[in-house]
């Protein structure tokens, strides 16, 4: 069975590494980007099934990236990462299928991607 292709976008290198470690067994990590502008350019070349997207990044916020991806016809499931729960509704309104708090990446990220790919939403339990 073909593993879903995942693109990771976060301006914190440690978060990119952590996400890749968590996901690599069940997903194919096809690219990483350190900011919003790089994410849009990368998406155009790799066409991932899932975009894991930090909300607060330099150059373009994750919410703006999601809006631009959707406007460009992106069909990938978008899973947002953030510890700012105030941004959750804006993230989901921008086309996100899931919202994972960074504190719960280890327990929630794989579940969120599975749910998003199945057409269901997912939101981490809030602290």
N, C-alpha and C. Protein backbone atom coordinates (compact mmCIF):
# COMPACT_ATOMS: atom_id res chain seq x y z
N UNK A 1 0.84 -1.18 0.00
CA UNK A 1 0.00 0.00 0.00
C UNK A 1 0.89 1.25 0.00
N UNK A 2 0.53 2.20 -0.82
CA UNK A 2 1.29 3.43 -0.94
C UNK A 2 1.12 4.30 0.31
N UNK A 3 2.23 4.77 0.84
CA UNK A 3 2.17 5.63 2.02
C UNK A 3 1.84 7.06 1.58
N UNK A 4 0.95 7.74 2.32
CA UNK A 4 0.64 9.14 1.99
C UNK A 4 1.88 10.01 2.08
N UNK A 5 1.96 10.99 1.18
CA UNK A 5 3.08 11.92 1.12
C UNK A 5 2.79 13.13 2.01
N UNK A 6 3.75 13.46 2.88
CA UNK A 6 3.58 14.54 3.84
C UNK A 6 4.67 15.59 3.64
N UNK A 7 4.25 16.86 3.64
CA UNK A 7 5.15 17.99 3.63
C UNK A 7 5.08 18.65 5.00
N UNK A 8 6.23 18.94 5.60
CA UNK A 8 6.30 19.55 6.92
C UNK A 8 6.77 20.99 6.81
N UNK A 9 6.07 21.91 7.49
CA UNK A 9 6.42 23.33 7.42
C UNK A 9 6.44 23.90 8.83
N UNK A 10 7.64 24.32 9.27
CA UNK A 10 7.78 24.94 10.58
C UNK A 10 9.10 25.69 10.60
N UNK A 11 9.14 26.81 11.28
CA UNK A 11 10.37 27.59 11.34
C UNK A 11 11.30 27.13 12.46
N UNK A 12 10.91 26.11 13.21
CA UNK A 12 11.74 25.56 14.27
C UNK A 12 12.29 24.21 13.81
N UNK A 13 13.60 24.13 13.55
CA UNK A 13 14.17 22.88 13.04
C UNK A 13 13.88 21.66 13.92
N UNK A 14 13.86 21.85 15.24
CA UNK A 14 13.60 20.72 16.14
C UNK A 14 12.19 20.17 15.95
N UNK A 15 11.24 21.02 15.66
CA UNK A 15 9.87 20.56 15.41
C UNK A 15 9.82 19.76 14.10
N UNK A 16 10.52 20.22 13.08
CA UNK A 16 10.57 19.48 11.82
C UNK A 16 11.14 18.08 12.04
N UNK A 17 12.22 17.99 12.80
CA UNK A 17 12.86 16.70 13.08
C UNK A 17 11.92 15.81 13.88
N UNK A 18 11.29 16.36 14.91
CA UNK A 18 10.36 15.60 15.75
C UNK A 18 9.20 15.05 14.91
N UNK A 19 8.60 15.90 14.11
CA UNK A 19 7.48 15.46 13.27
C UNK A 19 7.92 14.35 12.31
N UNK A 20 9.06 14.52 11.68
CA UNK A 20 9.57 13.51 10.75
C UNK A 20 9.78 12.18 11.46
N UNK A 21 10.36 12.22 12.65
CA UNK A 21 10.59 10.99 13.42
C UNK A 21 9.27 10.29 13.76
N UNK A 22 8.28 11.06 14.14
CA UNK A 22 6.98 10.49 14.52
C UNK A 22 6.28 9.87 13.31
N UNK A 23 6.40 10.52 12.16
CA UNK A 23 5.61 10.13 11.00
C UNK A 23 6.27 9.14 10.05
N UNK A 24 7.59 9.04 10.06
CA UNK A 24 8.27 8.31 8.99
C UNK A 24 7.89 6.84 8.86
N UNK A 25 7.41 6.22 9.91
CA UNK A 25 7.04 4.80 9.82
C UNK A 25 5.81 4.58 8.93
N UNK A 26 4.86 5.52 8.97
CA UNK A 26 3.61 5.32 8.24
C UNK A 26 3.40 6.28 7.07
N UNK A 27 4.24 7.31 6.99
CA UNK A 27 4.07 8.33 5.95
C UNK A 27 5.40 8.57 5.26
N UNK A 28 5.33 9.03 4.02
CA UNK A 28 6.53 9.41 3.29
C UNK A 28 6.72 10.92 3.43
N UNK A 29 7.79 11.33 4.06
CA UNK A 29 8.09 12.76 4.21
C UNK A 29 8.73 13.20 2.89
N UNK A 30 8.02 14.01 2.13
CA UNK A 30 8.49 14.38 0.79
C UNK A 30 9.15 15.75 0.73
N UNK A 31 9.11 16.49 1.84
CA UNK A 31 9.77 17.78 1.85
C UNK A 31 9.50 18.53 3.14
N UNK A 32 10.42 19.47 3.42
CA UNK A 32 10.24 20.35 4.57
C UNK A 32 10.52 21.78 4.13
N UNK A 33 9.87 22.72 4.80
CA UNK A 33 10.08 24.14 4.50
C UNK A 33 10.15 24.90 5.82
N UNK A 34 11.03 25.94 5.87
CA UNK A 34 11.21 26.70 7.11
C UNK A 34 10.33 27.93 7.24
N UNK A 35 9.56 28.26 6.19
CA UNK A 35 8.70 29.44 6.26
C UNK A 35 7.59 29.33 5.22
N UNK A 36 6.67 30.28 5.29
CA UNK A 36 5.48 30.23 4.44
C UNK A 36 5.76 30.35 2.95
N UNK A 37 6.64 31.26 2.57
CA UNK A 37 6.95 31.43 1.14
C UNK A 37 7.59 30.16 0.57
N UNK A 38 8.51 29.58 1.32
CA UNK A 38 9.16 28.34 0.88
C UNK A 38 8.13 27.20 0.78
N UNK A 39 7.15 27.21 1.67
CA UNK A 39 6.13 26.17 1.66
C UNK A 39 5.31 26.20 0.37
N UNK A 40 4.94 27.39 -0.05
CA UNK A 40 4.15 27.50 -1.28
C UNK A 40 4.96 27.03 -2.48
N UNK A 41 6.22 27.44 -2.56
CA UNK A 41 7.07 27.02 -3.68
C UNK A 41 7.27 25.50 -3.66
N UNK A 42 7.49 24.93 -2.48
CA UNK A 42 7.70 23.49 -2.37
C UNK A 42 6.44 22.71 -2.74
N UNK A 43 5.29 23.16 -2.28
CA UNK A 43 4.03 22.47 -2.58
C UNK A 43 3.85 22.31 -4.08
N UNK A 44 4.20 23.33 -4.83
CA UNK A 44 4.02 23.29 -6.28
C UNK A 44 4.87 22.20 -6.93
N UNK A 45 5.97 21.82 -6.31
CA UNK A 45 6.85 20.82 -6.93
C UNK A 45 6.62 19.40 -6.43
N UNK A 46 6.01 19.23 -5.26
CA UNK A 46 5.89 17.86 -4.72
C UNK A 46 4.48 17.33 -4.58
N UNK A 47 3.47 18.17 -4.64
CA UNK A 47 2.07 17.75 -4.55
C UNK A 47 1.82 16.72 -3.43
N UNK A 48 1.99 17.12 -2.17
CA UNK A 48 1.79 16.18 -1.06
C UNK A 48 0.31 15.87 -0.83
N UNK A 49 0.07 14.79 -0.11
CA UNK A 49 -1.29 14.44 0.31
C UNK A 49 -1.68 15.20 1.57
N UNK A 50 -0.66 15.54 2.38
CA UNK A 50 -0.87 16.22 3.66
C UNK A 50 0.18 17.33 3.80
N UNK A 51 -0.27 18.48 4.30
CA UNK A 51 0.64 19.56 4.66
C UNK A 51 0.49 19.79 6.16
N UNK A 52 1.58 19.57 6.90
CA UNK A 52 1.61 19.86 8.32
C UNK A 52 2.22 21.25 8.44
N UNK A 53 1.44 22.20 8.98
CA UNK A 53 1.75 23.62 8.83
C UNK A 53 1.70 24.36 10.16
N UNK A 54 2.83 24.93 10.54
CA UNK A 54 2.89 25.80 11.73
C UNK A 54 2.10 27.07 11.43
N UNK A 55 1.47 27.64 12.42
CA UNK A 55 0.70 28.86 12.21
C UNK A 55 1.59 30.10 12.20
N UNK A 56 2.50 30.21 13.17
CA UNK A 56 3.32 31.42 13.28
C UNK A 56 4.70 31.19 12.71
N UNK A 57 4.94 31.78 11.52
CA UNK A 57 6.22 31.64 10.84
C UNK A 57 6.60 32.96 10.19
N UNK A 58 7.89 33.13 9.88
CA UNK A 58 8.30 34.33 9.16
C UNK A 58 7.83 34.28 7.70
N UNK A 59 7.77 35.44 7.09
CA UNK A 59 7.48 35.64 5.67
C UNK A 59 6.00 35.46 5.33
N UNK A 60 5.34 34.44 5.81
CA UNK A 60 3.89 34.25 5.65
C UNK A 60 3.41 33.37 6.78
N UNK A 61 2.30 33.72 7.40
CA UNK A 61 1.76 32.86 8.46
C UNK A 61 1.20 31.58 7.84
N UNK A 62 1.08 30.56 8.67
CA UNK A 62 0.49 29.31 8.20
C UNK A 62 -0.94 29.50 7.72
N UNK A 63 -1.67 30.39 8.35
CA UNK A 63 -3.05 30.65 7.92
C UNK A 63 -3.06 31.26 6.53
N UNK A 64 -2.17 32.21 6.26
CA UNK A 64 -2.07 32.80 4.93
C UNK A 64 -1.61 31.77 3.90
N UNK A 65 -0.68 30.91 4.29
CA UNK A 65 -0.23 29.84 3.39
C UNK A 65 -1.40 28.95 3.02
N UNK A 66 -2.18 28.54 4.01
CA UNK A 66 -3.33 27.67 3.75
C UNK A 66 -4.31 28.33 2.78
N UNK A 67 -4.59 29.61 2.99
CA UNK A 67 -5.51 30.32 2.09
C UNK A 67 -4.97 30.34 0.66
N UNK A 68 -3.67 30.60 0.53
CA UNK A 68 -3.07 30.65 -0.81
C UNK A 68 -3.03 29.27 -1.46
N UNK A 69 -2.75 28.25 -0.67
CA UNK A 69 -2.76 26.89 -1.22
C UNK A 69 -4.15 26.51 -1.71
N UNK A 70 -5.15 26.80 -0.91
CA UNK A 70 -6.53 26.49 -1.32
C UNK A 70 -6.91 27.27 -2.58
N UNK A 71 -6.54 28.54 -2.65
CA UNK A 71 -6.82 29.36 -3.84
C UNK A 71 -6.14 28.81 -5.08
N UNK A 72 -4.98 28.17 -4.88
CA UNK A 72 -4.23 27.61 -6.01
C UNK A 72 -4.70 26.20 -6.38
N UNK A 73 -5.72 25.70 -5.68
CA UNK A 73 -6.27 24.39 -6.01
C UNK A 73 -5.71 23.24 -5.21
N UNK A 74 -4.99 23.52 -4.15
CA UNK A 74 -4.42 22.46 -3.31
C UNK A 74 -5.53 21.62 -2.69
N UNK A 75 -5.45 20.31 -2.90
CA UNK A 75 -6.43 19.38 -2.33
C UNK A 75 -5.87 18.64 -1.11
N UNK A 76 -4.62 18.91 -0.75
CA UNK A 76 -4.00 18.22 0.38
C UNK A 76 -4.75 18.51 1.68
N UNK A 77 -4.73 17.55 2.56
CA UNK A 77 -5.26 17.78 3.91
C UNK A 77 -4.26 18.65 4.65
N UNK A 78 -4.75 19.69 5.29
CA UNK A 78 -3.88 20.60 6.03
C UNK A 78 -4.07 20.37 7.52
N UNK A 79 -2.96 20.07 8.19
CA UNK A 79 -2.95 19.85 9.63
C UNK A 79 -2.12 20.98 10.23
N UNK A 80 -2.76 21.83 11.03
CA UNK A 80 -2.07 22.95 11.65
C UNK A 80 -1.41 22.55 12.96
N UNK A 81 -0.26 23.18 13.23
CA UNK A 81 0.44 23.03 14.50
C UNK A 81 0.53 24.39 15.19
N UNK A 82 0.20 24.44 16.46
CA UNK A 82 0.39 25.68 17.21
C UNK A 82 0.05 25.43 18.67
N UNK A 83 0.69 26.21 19.53
CA UNK A 83 0.29 26.21 20.93
C UNK A 83 -0.66 27.35 21.22
N UNK A 84 -0.93 28.16 20.21
CA UNK A 84 -1.85 29.28 20.37
C UNK A 84 -3.26 28.82 20.02
N UNK A 85 -3.99 28.37 21.03
CA UNK A 85 -5.33 27.84 20.78
C UNK A 85 -6.30 28.92 20.32
N UNK A 86 -5.93 30.19 20.52
CA UNK A 86 -6.78 31.29 20.05
C UNK A 86 -6.88 31.29 18.51
N UNK A 87 -5.88 30.72 17.86
CA UNK A 87 -5.83 30.71 16.39
C UNK A 87 -6.56 29.53 15.77
N UNK A 88 -7.07 28.64 16.59
CA UNK A 88 -7.65 27.40 16.07
C UNK A 88 -8.79 27.65 15.08
N UNK A 89 -9.74 28.48 15.39
CA UNK A 89 -10.88 28.70 14.49
C UNK A 89 -10.42 29.33 13.18
N UNK A 90 -9.51 30.29 13.24
CA UNK A 90 -8.99 30.91 12.02
C UNK A 90 -8.27 29.88 11.16
N UNK A 91 -7.55 28.97 11.79
CA UNK A 91 -6.84 27.93 11.06
C UNK A 91 -7.81 26.99 10.36
N UNK A 92 -8.82 26.58 11.07
CA UNK A 92 -9.81 25.67 10.47
C UNK A 92 -10.61 26.39 9.38
N UNK A 93 -10.93 27.65 9.60
CA UNK A 93 -11.64 28.44 8.58
C UNK A 93 -10.80 28.64 7.32
N UNK A 94 -9.48 28.62 7.46
CA UNK A 94 -8.58 28.81 6.32
C UNK A 94 -8.39 27.53 5.51
N UNK A 95 -9.06 26.47 5.91
CA UNK A 95 -8.97 25.22 5.15
C UNK A 95 -8.30 24.08 5.87
N UNK A 96 -8.01 24.27 7.14
CA UNK A 96 -7.39 23.20 7.91
C UNK A 96 -8.36 22.09 8.23
N UNK A 97 -7.87 20.86 8.19
CA UNK A 97 -8.68 19.71 8.55
C UNK A 97 -8.45 19.31 10.00
N UNK A 98 -7.31 19.76 10.55
CA UNK A 98 -6.97 19.37 11.91
C UNK A 98 -6.11 20.44 12.56
N UNK A 99 -6.13 20.43 13.90
CA UNK A 99 -5.35 21.38 14.69
C UNK A 99 -4.70 20.59 15.82
N UNK A 100 -3.37 20.58 15.84
CA UNK A 100 -2.62 19.84 16.85
C UNK A 100 -1.79 20.84 17.66
N UNK A 101 -1.93 20.78 18.98
CA UNK A 101 -1.08 21.63 19.79
C UNK A 101 0.32 21.02 19.82
N UNK A 102 1.32 21.89 19.84
CA UNK A 102 2.70 21.41 19.82
C UNK A 102 3.01 20.55 21.04
N UNK A 103 2.36 20.82 22.14
CA UNK A 103 2.57 20.02 23.35
C UNK A 103 2.08 18.59 23.17
N UNK A 104 1.20 18.36 22.18
CA UNK A 104 0.63 17.03 21.97
C UNK A 104 1.04 16.40 20.64
N UNK A 105 2.11 16.90 20.03
CA UNK A 105 2.56 16.34 18.75
C UNK A 105 2.77 14.84 18.85
N UNK A 106 3.45 14.40 19.90
CA UNK A 106 3.76 12.98 20.05
C UNK A 106 2.55 12.08 20.07
N UNK A 107 1.50 12.52 20.72
CA UNK A 107 0.30 11.67 20.84
C UNK A 107 -0.74 11.94 19.76
N UNK A 108 -0.75 13.15 19.20
CA UNK A 108 -1.87 13.53 18.32
C UNK A 108 -1.57 13.65 16.83
N UNK A 109 -0.31 13.86 16.45
CA UNK A 109 -0.04 14.18 15.05
C UNK A 109 -0.46 13.06 14.09
N UNK A 110 -0.07 11.84 14.37
CA UNK A 110 -0.45 10.72 13.48
C UNK A 110 -1.96 10.54 13.43
N UNK A 111 -2.60 10.66 14.58
CA UNK A 111 -4.06 10.52 14.64
C UNK A 111 -4.72 11.62 13.81
N UNK A 112 -4.23 12.84 13.95
CA UNK A 112 -4.81 13.97 13.21
C UNK A 112 -4.68 13.75 11.70
N UNK A 113 -3.54 13.26 11.25
CA UNK A 113 -3.35 13.02 9.82
C UNK A 113 -4.27 11.91 9.34
N UNK A 114 -4.37 10.83 10.10
CA UNK A 114 -5.27 9.73 9.73
C UNK A 114 -6.70 10.23 9.61
N UNK A 115 -7.14 11.02 10.59
CA UNK A 115 -8.51 11.55 10.56
C UNK A 115 -8.70 12.49 9.37
N UNK A 116 -7.74 13.36 9.14
CA UNK A 116 -7.85 14.32 8.03
C UNK A 116 -7.92 13.59 6.69
N UNK A 117 -7.09 12.57 6.51
CA UNK A 117 -7.11 11.82 5.25
C UNK A 117 -8.40 11.03 5.06
N UNK A 118 -9.08 10.76 6.16
CA UNK A 118 -10.36 10.03 6.10
C UNK A 118 -11.54 10.98 5.95
N UNK A 119 -11.26 12.28 5.84
CA UNK A 119 -12.32 13.26 5.66
C UNK A 119 -12.97 13.72 6.95
N UNK A 120 -12.34 13.38 8.07
CA UNK A 120 -12.86 13.81 9.36
C UNK A 120 -11.92 14.88 9.93
N UNK A 121 -12.43 15.69 10.79
CA UNK A 121 -11.60 16.70 11.44
C UNK A 121 -10.98 16.15 12.71
N UNK A 122 -10.03 16.91 13.23
CA UNK A 122 -9.40 16.52 14.49
C UNK A 122 -8.90 17.80 15.17
N UNK A 123 -9.10 17.87 16.48
CA UNK A 123 -8.57 18.98 17.28
C UNK A 123 -8.00 18.38 18.55
N UNK A 124 -6.73 18.74 18.85
CA UNK A 124 -6.10 18.28 20.10
C UNK A 124 -6.92 18.71 21.30
N UNK A 125 -6.85 17.90 22.33
CA UNK A 125 -7.46 18.30 23.60
C UNK A 125 -6.73 19.54 24.09
N UNK A 126 -7.49 20.52 24.49
CA UNK A 126 -6.88 21.77 24.94
C UNK A 126 -6.50 21.69 26.40
N UNK A 127 -5.36 22.33 26.76
CA UNK A 127 -4.89 22.28 28.16
C UNK A 127 -5.85 23.01 29.09
